[in-house]
Amino acid sequence: MLAASNPSIARAAAWMAGWLTLMLVIAVAGREAARELSVFQIMLLRSTLGMVMLWPLVCAAGGLAAVRTQRLPQHMLRNAVHYAAQYGWFVALSLIPLTQLVSIEFTMPIWSAALAVALLGERMGVRKWAAVLLGLVGVAVIVRPVAGQLNAGQLIALASALGFAVSVVLVKSLTRTEAAVAISFWMLVVQSVIGLIPALVVWQWPSATAWGWVVVVAFCGTYSHYCFARAMQHADATVVVPMDFLRVPLTALVGWLAYSEQLDLFTALGICLILAGNMLNLLRLPAVGWPVRRKV
């Protein structure tokens, strides 16, 4: 069994900073790649190139012995769900504004928090609930101008959010016995197998520009999930997931800078609420020590 990492909110936050940065870049790269290539093809190239990019980490961890697993069915389940959710995310990325996509995606924490409590035995105190609810209210404010008028892109984004929530809980379960590099390795292997036939059906050779964007997608997709898995090793899902709320205001800024997407008063208010929820979540634990989760 994997030796548990020392619980640390600071370490979890540091790894989540890496996750956030890479997820912002992949949103732009994915949208640009999708101008030319099918989502199935982008996802296959992301996984296959990602295996090459991940190999130095595998070697550093001890080679193939480091990714040996006795939980292959769990890896397969997690990655089948994640593949479907990721497909929906890439499709929605080409249909709706970046800020709207990521805001809708953040219905995910309410599902993942509930699943973490039900399946992993994690606790949801008042401050955890407050952090999640503040974030969700912020998201609701951002998407308010289009509330009640969900289009196909928004519905796909909602379905994707539910899939990501299931994936988050399964990742947290895997981190109890699996190293982050093993979780990332099996993600790439399983999703390459799942996506091979769909990608070959729609295959077209990418242009030089599309290749460039696909390489960026592969790099960010590979190492973002490594960062996320490392964060999960240092804190509960109910701690790590609310940190990801920061992706909403940061994506709004990227959408404004890269695509001139509107950043109105509703978005600004929603960003403030999301930041408040994150601050509450990040400050809620003492600097030293870790609460006892249950009596033995």
C-alpha atoms as a PDB file:
ATOM      1  CA  MET A   1       0.000   0.000   0.000  1.00  0.00           C
ATOM      2  CA  LEU A   2       1.186   3.510  -0.774  1.00  0.00           C
ATOM      3  CA  ALA A   3       2.499   5.372   2.195  1.00  0.00           C
ATOM      4  CA  ALA A   4       0.205   8.281   2.816  1.00  0.00           C
ATOM      5  CA  SER A   5       1.616  11.733   2.200  1.00  0.00           C
ATOM      6  CA  ASN A   6       1.660  14.062   5.189  1.00  0.00           C
ATOM      7  CA  PRO A   7      -1.620  16.012   5.122  1.00  0.00           C
ATOM      8  CA  SER A   8      -0.833  19.639   4.269  1.00  0.00           C
ATOM      9  CA  ILE A   9      -3.128  22.390   3.021  1.00  0.00           C
ATOM     10  CA  ALA A  10      -0.059  24.325   1.785  1.00  0.00           C
ATOM     11  CA  ARG A  11       1.214  21.435  -0.338  1.00  0.00           C
ATOM     12  CA  ALA A  12      -2.267  20.778  -1.710  1.00  0.00           C
ATOM     13  CA  ALA A  13      -2.607  24.460  -2.632  1.00  0.00           C
ATOM     14  CA  ALA A  14       0.786  24.455  -4.365  1.00  0.00           C
ATOM     15  CA  TRP A  15      -0.122  21.457  -6.526  1.00  0.00           C
ATOM     16  CA  MET A  16      -3.510  23.015  -7.281  1.00  0.00           C
ATOM     17  CA  ALA A  17      -1.725  26.158  -8.509  1.00  0.00           C
ATOM     18  CA  GLY A  18      -0.054  23.955 -11.116  1.00  0.00           C
ATOM     19  CA  TRP A  19      -3.417  22.400 -11.988  1.00  0.00           C
ATOM     20  CA  LEU A  20      -5.041  25.830 -12.426  1.00  0.00           C
ATOM     21  CA  THR A  21      -2.307  27.175 -14.681  1.00  0.00           C
ATOM     22  CA  LEU A  22      -2.329  24.161 -16.954  1.00  0.00           C
ATOM     23  CA  MET A  23      -6.133  24.058 -17.144  1.00  0.00           C
ATOM     24  CA  LEU A  24      -6.240  27.692 -18.256  1.00  0.00           C
ATOM     25  CA  VAL A  25      -3.766  26.995 -21.046  1.00  0.00           C
ATOM     26  CA  ILE A  26      -5.553  23.835 -22.179  1.00  0.00           C
ATOM     27  CA  ALA A  27      -8.843  25.738 -22.551  1.00  0.00           C
ATOM     28  CA  VAL A  28      -7.284  28.038 -25.136  1.00  0.00           C
ATOM     29  CA  ALA A  29      -5.254  25.293 -26.842  1.00  0.00           C
ATOM     30  CA  GLY A  30      -8.265  22.952 -26.986  1.00  0.00           C
ATOM     31  CA  ARG A  31     -10.480  25.587 -28.569  1.00  0.00           C
ATOM     32  CA  GLU A  32      -7.850  26.404 -31.184  1.00  0.00           C
ATOM     33  CA  ALA A  33      -7.175  22.736 -32.001  1.00  0.00           C
ATOM     34  CA  ALA A  34     -10.924  22.079 -32.354  1.00  0.00           C
ATOM     35  CA  ARG A  35     -11.119  24.624 -35.169  1.00  0.00           C
ATOM     36  CA  GLU A  36      -9.502  22.001 -37.395  1.00  0.00           C
ATOM     37  CA  LEU A  37      -9.668  18.590 -35.699  1.00  0.00           C
ATOM     38  CA  SER A  38     -12.388  16.352 -34.299  1.00  0.00           C
ATOM     39  CA  VAL A  39     -12.649  16.170 -30.505  1.00  0.00           C
ATOM     40  CA  PHE A  40     -12.065  12.396 -30.717  1.00  0.00           C
ATOM     41  CA  GLN A  41      -8.812  12.973 -32.572  1.00  0.00           C
ATOM     42  CA  ILE A  42      -7.657  15.677 -30.150  1.00  0.00           C
ATOM     43  CA  MET A  43      -8.317  13.381 -27.197  1.00  0.00           C
ATOM     44  CA  LEU A  44      -6.447  10.430 -28.734  1.00  0.00           C
ATOM     45  CA  LEU A  45      -3.414  12.566 -29.570  1.00  0.00           C
ATOM     46  CA  ARG A  46      -3.560  14.084 -26.098  1.00  0.00           C
ATOM     47  CA  SER A  47      -3.361  10.631 -24.507  1.00  0.00           C
ATOM     48  CA  THR A  48      -0.735   9.095 -26.791  1.00  0.00           C
ATOM     49  CA  LEU A  49       1.561  12.121 -26.735  1.00  0.00           C
ATOM     50  CA  GLY A  50       0.918  12.375 -23.019  1.00  0.00           C
ATOM     51  CA  MET A  51       2.362   8.904 -22.444  1.00  0.00           C
ATOM     52  CA  VAL A  52       5.634  10.044 -24.019  1.00  0.00           C
ATOM     53  CA  MET A  53       5.638  13.218 -21.926  1.00  0.00           C
ATOM     54  CA  LEU A  54       4.885  11.329 -18.716  1.00  0.00           C
ATOM     55  CA  TRP A  55       7.646   8.750 -19.254  1.00  0.00           C
ATOM     56  CA  PRO A  56      10.399  10.801 -17.520  1.00  0.00           C
ATOM     57  CA  LEU A  57       8.244  10.892 -14.375  1.00  0.00           C
ATOM     58  CA  VAL A  58       7.619   7.151 -14.641  1.00  0.00           C
ATOM     59  CA  CYS A  59      11.373   6.520 -14.938  1.00  0.00           C
ATOM     60  CA  ALA A  60      12.122   8.841 -12.034  1.00  0.00           C
ATOM     61  CA  ALA A  61       9.600   6.961  -9.897  1.00  0.00           C
ATOM     62  CA  GLY A  62      11.224   3.585 -10.617  1.00  0.00           C
ATOM     63  CA  GLY A  63      10.030   2.578 -14.071  1.00  0.00           C
ATOM     64  CA  LEU A  64       7.134   0.250 -14.816  1.00  0.00           C
ATOM     65  CA  ALA A  65       7.305  -1.130 -11.290  1.00  0.00           C
ATOM     66  CA  ALA A  66       6.078   2.268 -10.083  1.00  0.00           C
ATOM     67  CA  VAL A  67       2.867   2.004 -12.097  1.00  0.00           C
ATOM     68  CA  ARG A  68       2.087  -1.623 -11.287  1.00  0.00           C
ATOM     69  CA  THR A  69      -1.424  -1.790  -9.873  1.00  0.00           C
ATOM     70  CA  GLN A  70      -3.857  -4.202  -8.286  1.00  0.00           C
ATOM     71  CA  ARG A  71      -6.740  -1.823  -8.908  1.00  0.00           C
ATOM     72  CA  LEU A  72      -6.998  -1.925 -12.693  1.00  0.00           C
ATOM     73  CA  PRO A  73     -10.834  -2.173 -12.663  1.00  0.00           C
ATOM     74  CA  GLN A  74     -11.020   1.038 -10.622  1.00  0.00           C
ATOM     75  CA  HIS A  75      -8.629   2.768 -13.029  1.00  0.00           C
ATOM     76  CA  MET A  76     -10.738   1.604 -15.957  1.00  0.00           C
ATOM     77  CA  LEU A  77     -13.975   2.822 -14.357  1.00  0.00           C
ATOM     78  CA  ARG A  78     -12.511   6.195 -13.399  1.00  0.00           C
ATOM     79  CA  ASN A  79     -11.097   6.785 -16.858  1.00  0.00           C
ATOM     80  CA  ALA A  80     -14.175   5.660 -18.746  1.00  0.00           C
ATOM     81  CA  VAL A  81     -16.178   8.225 -16.782  1.00  0.00           C
ATOM     82  CA  HIS A  82     -13.482  10.862 -17.184  1.00  0.00           C
ATOM     83  CA  TYR A  83     -13.193  10.225 -20.928  1.00  0.00           C
ATOM     84  CA  ALA A  84     -16.930  10.825 -21.398  1.00  0.00           C
ATOM     85  CA  ALA A  85     -16.840  13.950 -19.227  1.00  0.00           C
ATOM     86  CA  GLN A  86     -13.759  15.258 -21.008  1.00  0.00           C
ATOM     87  CA  TYR A  87     -15.352  14.676 -24.415  1.00  0.00           C
ATOM     88  CA  GLY A  88     -18.356  16.715 -23.308  1.00  0.00           C
ATOM     89  CA  TRP A  89     -16.058  19.461 -22.013  1.00  0.00           C
ATOM     90  CA  PHE A  90     -14.206  19.768 -25.329  1.00  0.00           C
ATOM     91  CA  VAL A  91     -17.472  19.807 -27.293  1.00  0.00           C
ATOM     92  CA  ALA A  92     -18.952  22.493 -25.039  1.00  0.00           C
ATOM     93  CA  LEU A  93     -15.689  24.450 -25.341  1.00  0.00           C
ATOM     94  CA  SER A  94     -16.460  25.039 -29.012  1.00  0.00           C
ATOM     95  CA  LEU A  95     -20.108  25.985 -28.382  1.00  0.00           C
ATOM     96  CA  ILE A  96     -20.177  28.451 -25.470  1.00  0.00           C
ATOM     97  CA  PRO A  97     -17.895  31.170 -24.009  1.00  0.00           C
ATOM     98  CA  LEU A  98     -14.980  30.049 -21.832  1.00  0.00           C
ATOM     99  CA  THR A  99     -16.303  31.724 -18.681  1.00  0.00           C
ATOM    100  CA  GLN A 100     -19.731  30.196 -19.130  1.00  0.00           C
ATOM    101  CA  LEU A 101     -18.278  26.726 -19.689  1.00  0.00           C
ATOM    102  CA  VAL A 102     -16.088  26.797 -16.605  1.00  0.00           C
ATOM    103  CA  SER A 103     -18.819  28.398 -14.496  1.00  0.00           C
ATOM    104  CA  ILE A 104     -21.279  25.631 -15.389  1.00  0.00           C
ATOM    105  CA  GLU A 105     -18.540  23.082 -14.771  1.00  0.00           C
ATOM    106  CA  PHE A 106     -18.451  24.310 -11.196  1.00  0.00           C
ATOM    107  CA  THR A 107     -21.748  22.717 -10.386  1.00  0.00           C
ATOM    108  CA  MET A 108     -19.279  19.818  -9.977  1.00  0.00           C
ATOM    109  CA  PRO A 109     -18.196  20.603  -6.375  1.00  0.00           C
ATOM    110  CA  ILE A 110     -21.678  20.088  -4.946  1.00  0.00           C
ATOM    111  CA  TRP A 111     -21.797  16.634  -6.547  1.00  0.00           C
ATOM    112  CA  SER A 112     -18.234  15.706  -5.610  1.00  0.00           C
ATOM    113  CA  ALA A 113     -18.680  16.928  -2.030  1.00  0.00           C
ATOM    114  CA  ALA A 114     -21.813  14.836  -1.608  1.00  0.00           C
ATOM    115  CA  LEU A 115     -20.167  11.794  -3.187  1.00  0.00           C
ATOM    116  CA  ALA A 116     -17.036  12.218  -1.037  1.00  0.00           C
ATOM    117  CA  VAL A 117     -19.159  12.225   2.100  1.00  0.00           C
ATOM    118  CA  ALA A 118     -21.267   9.263   0.960  1.00  0.00           C
ATOM    119  CA  LEU A 119     -18.491   7.089  -0.484  1.00  0.00           C
ATOM    120  CA  LEU A 120     -15.236   8.152   1.173  1.00  0.00           C
ATOM    121  CA  GLY A 121     -16.410   8.988   4.664  1.00  0.00           C
ATOM    122  CA  GLU A 122     -15.168  12.570   4.502  1.00  0.00           C
ATOM    123  CA  ARG A 123     -16.698  15.197   6.753  1.00  0.00           C
ATOM    124  CA  MET A 124     -18.522  18.357   5.696  1.00  0.00           C
ATOM    125  CA  GLY A 125     -18.421  20.929   8.489  1.00  0.00           C
ATOM    126  CA  VAL A 126     -20.107  24.314   8.442  1.00  0.00           C
ATOM    127  CA  ARG A 127     -17.102  26.078   6.940  1.00  0.00           C
ATOM    128  CA  LYS A 128     -16.696  23.478   4.177  1.00  0.00           C
ATOM    129  CA  TRP A 129     -20.348  23.866   3.229  1.00  0.00           C
ATOM    130  CA  ALA A 130     -20.027  27.661   3.359  1.00  0.00           C
ATOM    131  CA  ALA A 131     -16.985  27.598   1.048  1.00  0.00           C
ATOM    132  CA  VAL A 132     -18.782  25.386  -1.477  1.00  0.00           C
ATOM    133  CA  LEU A 133     -22.037  27.359  -1.323  1.00  0.00           C
ATOM    134  CA  LEU A 134     -20.301  30.719  -1.735  1.00  0.00           C
ATOM    135  CA  GLY A 135     -18.586  29.369  -4.815  1.00  0.00           C
ATOM    136  CA  LEU A 136     -21.790  27.989  -6.267  1.00  0.00           C
ATOM    137  CA  VAL A 137     -23.643  31.256  -5.652  1.00  0.00           C
ATOM    138  CA  GLY A 138     -20.827  33.037  -7.469  1.00  0.00           C
ATOM    139  CA  VAL A 139     -21.193  30.657 -10.402  1.00  0.00           C
ATOM    140  CA  ALA A 140     -24.972  31.209 -10.440  1.00  0.00           C
ATOM    141  CA  VAL A 141     -24.452  34.975 -10.583  1.00  0.00           C
ATOM    142  CA  ILE A 142     -22.076  34.627 -13.526  1.00  0.00           C
ATOM    143  CA  VAL A 143     -24.488  32.525 -15.606  1.00  0.00           C
ATOM    144  CA  ARG A 144     -27.626  34.404 -14.457  1.00  0.00           C
ATOM    145  CA  PRO A 145     -28.144  36.335 -17.712  1.00  0.00           C
ATOM    146  CA  VAL A 146     -28.721  33.043 -19.546  1.00  0.00           C
ATOM    147  CA  ALA A 147     -30.536  31.191 -16.748  1.00  0.00           C
ATOM    148  CA  GLY A 148     -33.616  29.377 -17.962  1.00  0.00           C
ATOM    149  CA  GLN A 149     -32.373  29.373 -21.551  1.00  0.00           C
ATOM    150  CA  LEU A 150     -29.987  26.431 -21.571  1.00  0.00           C
ATOM    151  CA  ASN A 151     -28.688  25.602 -25.020  1.00  0.00           C
ATOM    152  CA  ALA A 152     -26.999  22.394 -26.172  1.00  0.00           C
ATOM    153  CA  GLY A 153     -23.547  23.582 -25.113  1.00  0.00           C
ATOM    154  CA  GLN A 154     -24.763  24.406 -21.612  1.00  0.00           C
ATOM    155  CA  LEU A 155     -26.536  21.056 -21.214  1.00  0.00           C
ATOM    156  CA  ILE A 156     -23.416  19.200 -22.367  1.00  0.00           C
ATOM    157  CA  ALA A 157     -21.352  21.225 -19.890  1.00  0.00           C
ATOM    158  CA  LEU A 158     -23.727  20.262 -17.057  1.00  0.00           C
ATOM    159  CA  ALA A 159     -23.496  16.571 -17.936  1.00  0.00           C
ATOM    160  CA  SER A 160     -19.722  16.904 -18.123  1.00  0.00           C
ATOM    161  CA  ALA A 161     -19.638  18.457 -14.648  1.00  0.00           C
ATOM    162  CA  LEU A 162     -21.438  15.464 -13.166  1.00  0.00           C
ATOM    163  CA  GLY A 163     -18.966  13.112 -14.843  1.00  0.00           C
ATOM    164  CA  PHE A 164     -16.014  15.078 -13.501  1.00  0.00           C
ATOM    165  CA  ALA A 165     -17.493  14.887  -9.994  1.00  0.00           C
ATOM    166  CA  VAL A 166     -17.573  11.100 -10.164  1.00  0.00           C
ATOM    167  CA  SER A 167     -14.012  11.117 -11.507  1.00  0.00           C
ATOM    168  CA  VAL A 168     -12.795  13.331  -8.645  1.00  0.00           C
ATOM    169  CA  VAL A 169     -14.153  10.952  -6.018  1.00  0.00           C
ATOM    170  CA  LEU A 170     -12.646   7.952  -7.787  1.00  0.00           C
ATOM    171  CA  VAL A 171      -9.262   9.712  -7.955  1.00  0.00           C
ATOM    172  CA  LYS A 172      -9.383  10.414  -4.226  1.00  0.00           C
ATOM    173  CA  SER A 173     -10.129   6.739  -3.603  1.00  0.00           C
ATOM    174  CA  LEU A 174      -7.207   5.687  -5.823  1.00  0.00           C
ATOM    175  CA  THR A 175      -4.751   8.015  -4.035  1.00  0.00           C
ATOM    176  CA  ARG A 176      -5.138   5.886  -0.908  1.00  0.00           C
ATOM    177  CA  THR A 177      -3.026   3.157  -2.515  1.00  0.00           C
ATOM    178  CA  GLU A 178      -1.741   4.535  -5.838  1.00  0.00           C
ATOM    179  CA  ALA A 179       0.986   7.093  -6.553  1.00  0.00           C
ATOM    180  CA  ALA A 180       0.111  10.153  -8.619  1.00  0.00           C
ATOM    181  CA  VAL A 181       2.345   8.985 -11.463  1.00  0.00           C
ATOM    182  CA  ALA A 182       0.501   5.644 -11.600  1.00  0.00           C
ATOM    183  CA  ILE A 183      -2.896   7.378 -11.679  1.00  0.00           C
ATOM    184  CA  SER A 184      -1.717   9.605 -14.535  1.00  0.00           C
ATOM    185  CA  PHE A 185      -0.152   6.669 -16.403  1.00  0.00           C
ATOM    186  CA  TRP A 186      -3.277   4.530 -16.320  1.00  0.00           C
ATOM    187  CA  MET A 187      -5.417   7.526 -17.293  1.00  0.00           C
ATOM    188  CA  LEU A 188      -3.409   7.892 -20.496  1.00  0.00           C
ATOM    189  CA  VAL A 189      -3.335   4.166 -21.251  1.00  0.00           C
ATOM    190  CA  VAL A 190      -7.039   3.526 -20.663  1.00  0.00           C
ATOM    191  CA  GLN A 191      -8.184   6.637 -22.500  1.00  0.00           C
ATOM    192  CA  SER A 192      -5.926   5.848 -25.464  1.00  0.00           C
ATOM    193  CA  VAL A 193      -7.577   2.437 -25.769  1.00  0.00           C
ATOM    194  CA  ILE A 194     -11.087   3.875 -25.408  1.00  0.00           C
ATOM    195  CA  GLY A 195     -10.482   6.626 -27.956  1.00  0.00           C
ATOM    196  CA  LEU A 196      -8.561   4.726 -30.634  1.00  0.00           C
ATOM    197  CA  ILE A 197     -11.421   3.558 -32.851  1.00  0.00           C
ATOM    198  CA  PRO A 198     -13.547   6.761 -32.647  1.00  0.00           C
ATOM    199  CA  ALA A 199     -10.477   8.837 -33.550  1.00  0.00           C
ATOM    200  CA  LEU A 200      -9.497   6.629 -36.494  1.00  0.00           C
ATOM    201  CA  VAL A 201     -13.013   6.916 -37.938  1.00  0.00           C
ATOM    202  CA  VAL A 202     -12.725  10.716 -38.181  1.00  0.00           C
ATOM    203  CA  TRP A 203      -8.943  10.943 -38.657  1.00  0.00           C
ATOM    204  CA  GLN A 204      -7.363  13.687 -40.724  1.00  0.00           C
ATOM    205  CA  TRP A 205      -3.697  14.638 -40.662  1.00  0.00           C
ATOM    206  CA  PRO A 206      -3.221  17.823 -38.602  1.00  0.00           C
ATOM    207  CA  SER A 207      -1.593  20.902 -40.060  1.00  0.00           C
ATOM    208  CA  ALA A 208       1.587  22.252 -38.465  1.00  0.00           C
ATOM    209  CA  THR A 209      -0.470  24.781 -36.501  1.00  0.00           C
ATOM    210  CA  ALA A 210      -2.903  22.147 -35.260  1.00  0.00           C
ATOM    211  CA  TRP A 211       0.021  19.925 -34.229  1.00  0.00           C
ATOM    212  CA  GLY A 212       1.347  22.761 -32.124  1.00  0.00           C
ATOM    213  CA  TRP A 213      -1.957  23.210 -30.301  1.00  0.00           C
ATOM    214  CA  VAL A 214      -2.349  19.448 -29.829  1.00  0.00           C
ATOM    215  CA  VAL A 215       1.109  19.199 -28.246  1.00  0.00           C
ATOM    216  CA  VAL A 216       0.134  21.955 -25.810  1.00  0.00           C
ATOM    217  CA  VAL A 217      -3.132  20.132 -25.031  1.00  0.00           C
ATOM    218  CA  ALA A 218      -1.216  16.893 -24.414  1.00  0.00           C
ATOM    219  CA  PHE A 219       1.342  18.542 -22.133  1.00  0.00           C
ATOM    220  CA  CYS A 220      -1.249  20.427 -20.094  1.00  0.00           C
ATOM    221  CA  GLY A 221      -3.635  17.478 -19.943  1.00  0.00           C
ATOM    222  CA  THR A 222      -0.914  15.108 -18.757  1.00  0.00           C
ATOM    223  CA  TYR A 223       0.709  17.246 -16.092  1.00  0.00           C
ATOM    224  CA  SER A 224      -2.489  18.938 -14.888  1.00  0.00           C
ATOM    225  CA  HIS A 225      -3.837  15.583 -13.760  1.00  0.00           C
ATOM    226  CA  TYR A 226      -0.539  14.710 -12.148  1.00  0.00           C
ATOM    227  CA  CYS A 227      -0.778  17.971 -10.169  1.00  0.00           C
ATOM    228  CA  PHE A 228      -4.378  17.215  -9.227  1.00  0.00           C
ATOM    229  CA  ALA A 229      -3.566  13.708  -8.044  1.00  0.00           C
ATOM    230  CA  ARG A 230      -0.678  15.069  -5.935  1.00  0.00           C
ATOM    231  CA  ALA A 231      -3.019  17.647  -4.397  1.00  0.00           C
ATOM    232  CA  MET A 232      -5.455  14.873  -3.524  1.00  0.00           C
ATOM    233  CA  GLN A 233      -2.671  13.037  -1.678  1.00  0.00           C
ATOM    234  CA  HIS A 234      -2.256  16.004   0.656  1.00  0.00           C
ATOM    235  CA  ALA A 235      -5.890  16.866   1.453  1.00  0.00           C
ATOM    236  CA  ASP A 236      -9.485  15.639   1.307  1.00  0.00           C
ATOM    237  CA  ALA A 237     -11.528  16.099  -1.859  1.00  0.00           C
ATOM    238  CA  THR A 238     -13.737  18.511   0.100  1.00  0.00           C
ATOM    239  CA  VAL A 239     -10.627  20.670   0.651  1.00  0.00           C
ATOM    240  CA  VAL A 240      -9.047  20.393  -2.796  1.00  0.00           C
ATOM    241  CA  VAL A 241     -12.133  20.832  -4.979  1.00  0.00           C
ATOM    242  CA  PRO A 242     -13.168  24.287  -3.672  1.00  0.00           C
ATOM    243  CA  MET A 243      -9.649  25.558  -4.477  1.00  0.00           C
ATOM    244  CA  ASP A 244     -10.500  24.907  -8.104  1.00  0.00           C
ATOM    245  CA  PHE A 245     -13.149  27.668  -7.902  1.00  0.00           C
ATOM    246  CA  LEU A 246     -10.308  30.070  -8.698  1.00  0.00           C
ATOM    247  CA  ARG A 247     -10.396  28.729 -12.250  1.00  0.00           C
ATOM    248  CA  VAL A 248     -13.657  30.634 -12.852  1.00  0.00           C
ATOM    249  CA  PRO A 249     -12.353  34.198 -12.410  1.00  0.00           C
ATOM    250  CA  LEU A 250      -9.038  33.289 -14.037  1.00  0.00           C
ATOM    251  CA  THR A 251     -10.834  31.823 -17.059  1.00  0.00           C
ATOM    252  CA  ALA A 252     -12.984  34.944 -17.296  1.00  0.00           C
ATOM    253  CA  LEU A 253      -9.783  36.979 -17.523  1.00  0.00           C
ATOM    254  CA  VAL A 254      -8.312  34.672 -20.186  1.00  0.00           C
ATOM    255  CA  GLY A 255     -11.541  34.747 -22.192  1.00  0.00           C
ATOM    256  CA  TRP A 256     -11.536  38.522 -22.104  1.00  0.00           C
ATOM    257  CA  LEU A 257      -7.867  38.815 -23.100  1.00  0.00           C
ATOM    258  CA  ALA A 258      -7.809  36.077 -25.774  1.00  0.00           C
ATOM    259  CA  TYR A 259     -11.318  36.239 -27.244  1.00  0.00           C
ATOM    260  CA  SER A 260     -12.766  39.588 -26.103  1.00  0.00           C
ATOM    261  CA  GLU A 261     -15.479  37.726 -24.203  1.00  0.00           C
ATOM    262  CA  GLN A 262     -17.634  39.986 -22.060  1.00  0.00           C
ATOM    263  CA  LEU A 263     -16.606  40.572 -18.469  1.00  0.00           C
ATOM    264  CA  ASP A 264     -19.649  42.369 -16.993  1.00  0.00           C
ATOM    265  CA  LEU A 265     -20.761  43.359 -13.492  1.00  0.00           C
ATOM    266  CA  PHE A 266     -22.440  39.991 -12.921  1.00  0.00           C
ATOM    267  CA  THR A 267     -19.191  38.202 -13.736  1.00  0.00           C
ATOM    268  CA  ALA A 268     -17.237  40.535 -11.451  1.00  0.00           C
ATOM    269  CA  LEU A 269     -19.683  39.940  -8.563  1.00  0.00           C
ATOM    270  CA  GLY A 270     -19.559  36.192  -9.117  1.00  0.00           C
ATOM    271  CA  ILE A 271     -15.764  36.279  -9.102  1.00  0.00           C
ATOM    272  CA  CYS A 272     -15.799  38.095  -5.734  1.00  0.00           C
ATOM    273  CA  LEU A 273     -18.103  35.466  -4.216  1.00  0.00           C
ATOM    274  CA  ILE A 274     -15.944  32.638  -5.563  1.00  0.00           C
ATOM    275  CA  LEU A 275     -12.788  34.231  -4.174  1.00  0.00           C
ATOM    276  CA  ALA A 276     -14.505  34.656  -0.803  1.00  0.00           C
ATOM    277  CA  GLY A 277     -15.419  30.978  -0.761  1.00  0.00           C
ATOM    278  CA  ASN A 278     -11.844  30.007  -1.545  1.00  0.00           C
ATOM    279  CA  MET A 279     -10.417  32.234   1.155  1.00  0.00           C
ATOM    280  CA  LEU A 280     -12.795  30.683   3.686  1.00  0.00           C
ATOM    281  CA  ASN A 281     -11.756  27.220   2.586  1.00  0.00           C
ATOM    282  CA  LEU A 282      -8.030  27.947   2.566  1.00  0.00           C
ATOM    283  CA  LEU A 283      -7.999  29.637   5.978  1.00  0.00           C
ATOM    284  CA  ARG A 284     -10.169  27.196   7.832  1.00  0.00           C
ATOM    285  CA  LEU A 285      -7.420  24.766   8.954  1.00  0.00           C
ATOM    286  CA  PRO A 286      -4.771  25.422  11.620  1.00  0.00           C
ATOM    287  CA  ALA A 287      -1.189  25.809  10.419  1.00  0.00           C
ATOM    288  CA  VAL A 288       0.036  22.788  12.391  1.00  0.00           C
ATOM    289  CA  GLY A 289      -1.539  19.408  12.897  1.00  0.00           C
ATOM    290  CA  TRP A 290      -4.406  17.536  11.291  1.00  0.00           C
ATOM    291  CA  PRO A 291      -7.784  16.736  12.794  1.00  0.00           C
ATOM    292  CA  VAL A 292      -8.463  13.179  13.846  1.00  0.00           C
ATOM    293  CA  ARG A 293     -11.066  11.855  11.459  1.00  0.00           C
ATOM    294  CA  ARG A 294     -12.436   9.020  13.551  1.00  0.00           C
ATOM    295  CA  LYS A 295     -11.798   7.161  16.761  1.00  0.00           C
ATOM    296  CA  VAL A 296     -10.083   3.787  16.546  1.00  0.00           C
END
